[in-house]
Amino acid sequence: MQTMREPTYFTLAALLDGPLHGYAIAKHAEAVSDGRVRLTAGTLYSALDRLLGQGLITVDGEEVVEGRARRYYRLTASGRRALQAEAARLAGAAAVVVSRISATPEPAA
């Protein structure tokens, strides 16, 4: 699997707690990324379609709220594994830098 872009990573991370509809996914992604990821409707639904096609998420149900269809998505086992692999990759990359920073002197100002 290729490296995930940050919006994809946080979209999948938003679904760790269970199924969510699109707007809730966007809000959770913004919260878990400390505000770094703000998904517009176009970006979000394009990403959700792509993630559905890749089998990383699935539709968990639909309901009509105030006359509008609301679709819920959930993480699949493949999506969870992909998210876990990306988290491990990021943690490994961070560990390399942290250990190098600790082992090298700070440059003069």
Protein backbone atom coordinates (compact mmCIF):
# COMPACT_ATOMS: atom_id res chain seq x y z
CA MET A 1 0.00 0.00 0.00
CA GLN A 2 1.24 3.48 -0.80
CA THR A 3 1.68 6.27 1.74
CA MET A 4 -1.60 7.82 2.86
CA ARG A 5 -2.28 11.50 2.54
CA GLU A 6 -3.16 13.19 5.82
CA PRO A 7 -6.88 13.68 4.99
CA THR A 8 -7.25 9.97 4.19
CA TYR A 9 -5.41 8.98 7.37
CA PHE A 10 -7.64 11.13 9.56
CA THR A 11 -10.81 10.13 7.69
CA LEU A 12 -10.05 6.49 8.51
CA ALA A 13 -9.03 7.40 12.07
CA ALA A 14 -12.38 9.14 12.55
CA LEU A 15 -14.11 5.80 11.93
CA LEU A 16 -12.19 3.91 14.62
CA ASP A 17 -14.96 4.50 17.17
CA GLY A 18 -17.70 3.22 14.89
CA PRO A 19 -19.94 4.18 11.98
CA LEU A 20 -20.40 7.86 11.17
CA HIS A 21 -22.16 9.90 8.49
CA GLY A 22 -20.19 12.27 6.26
CA TYR A 23 -20.55 15.46 8.28
CA ALA A 24 -19.60 13.64 11.49
CA ILE A 25 -16.56 12.13 9.76
CA ALA A 26 -15.41 15.61 8.74
CA LYS A 27 -15.87 16.93 12.29
CA HIS A 28 -14.10 13.93 13.87
CA ALA A 29 -11.21 14.18 11.38
CA GLU A 30 -10.81 17.85 12.26
CA ALA A 31 -10.88 17.05 15.99
CA VAL A 32 -8.43 14.12 15.92
CA SER A 33 -6.02 16.09 13.72
CA ASP A 34 -6.11 19.06 16.14
CA GLY A 35 -7.69 21.17 13.40
CA ARG A 36 -5.06 20.47 10.73
CA VAL A 37 -7.49 18.56 8.51
CA ARG A 38 -10.62 20.42 7.44
CA LEU A 39 -12.49 18.42 4.85
CA THR A 40 -14.77 20.22 2.40
CA ALA A 41 -17.83 18.31 1.20
CA GLY A 42 -16.30 17.72 -2.24
CA THR A 43 -13.01 16.45 -0.84
CA LEU A 44 -14.73 14.28 1.76
CA TYR A 45 -17.19 12.56 -0.56
CA SER A 46 -14.54 12.03 -3.22
CA ALA A 47 -12.32 10.41 -0.57
CA LEU A 48 -15.21 8.29 0.73
CA ASP A 49 -15.95 7.03 -2.80
CA ARG A 50 -12.26 6.17 -3.28
CA LEU A 51 -12.03 4.43 0.11
CA LEU A 52 -15.22 2.45 -0.68
CA GLY A 53 -13.67 1.37 -3.98
CA GLN A 54 -10.50 0.27 -2.20
CA GLY A 55 -12.51 -1.74 0.34
CA LEU A 56 -11.14 0.28 3.28
CA ILE A 57 -14.61 1.43 4.35
CA THR A 58 -18.13 0.19 3.70
CA VAL A 59 -21.61 1.66 3.91
CA ASP A 60 -23.15 0.75 7.26
CA GLY A 61 -26.66 2.06 6.63
CA GLU A 62 -28.76 5.02 5.59
CA GLU A 63 -31.51 7.10 7.13
CA VAL A 64 -33.51 10.14 6.10
CA VAL A 65 -33.08 13.17 8.35
CA GLU A 66 -35.13 16.30 7.61
CA GLY A 67 -35.82 15.02 4.11
CA ARG A 68 -32.17 14.32 3.27
CA ALA A 69 -30.51 10.94 2.98
CA ARG A 70 -27.73 10.38 5.49
CA ARG A 71 -25.32 7.55 4.72
CA TYR A 72 -23.20 5.98 7.46
CA TYR A 73 -19.75 4.53 6.81
CA ARG A 74 -17.65 2.15 8.84
CA LEU A 75 -14.07 0.95 8.73
CA THR A 76 -13.51 -2.52 7.27
CA ALA A 77 -10.90 -4.98 8.56
CA SER A 78 -8.73 -3.98 5.57
CA GLY A 79 -9.18 -0.32 6.43
CA ARG A 80 -8.19 -0.93 10.03
CA ARG A 81 -5.06 -2.83 8.92
CA ALA A 82 -4.15 -0.09 6.43
CA LEU A 83 -4.60 2.58 9.10
CA GLN A 84 -2.54 0.59 11.57
CA ALA A 85 0.24 0.10 9.00
CA GLU A 86 0.31 3.82 8.21
CA ALA A 87 0.38 4.72 11.92
CA ALA A 88 3.32 2.33 12.40
CA ARG A 89 5.12 3.83 9.38
CA LEU A 90 4.65 7.36 10.73
CA ALA A 91 5.76 6.32 14.23
CA GLY A 92 8.87 4.65 12.80
CA ALA A 93 9.75 7.72 10.76
CA ALA A 94 9.26 9.95 13.81
CA ALA A 95 11.40 7.64 15.97
CA VAL A 96 14.31 7.93 13.52
CA VAL A 97 14.21 11.72 13.64
CA VAL A 98 13.74 11.87 17.42
CA SER A 99 16.75 9.60 18.01
CA ARG A 100 18.90 11.59 15.57
CA ILE A 101 17.91 14.90 17.18
CA SER A 102 18.87 13.50 20.58
CA ALA A 103 22.21 12.23 19.26
CA THR A 104 23.36 15.37 17.46
CA PRO A 105 24.42 18.71 18.89
CA GLU A 106 22.18 21.70 18.37
CA PRO A 107 23.48 24.04 15.68
CA ALA A 108 24.82 27.44 16.71
CA ALA A 109 22.35 30.28 16.37
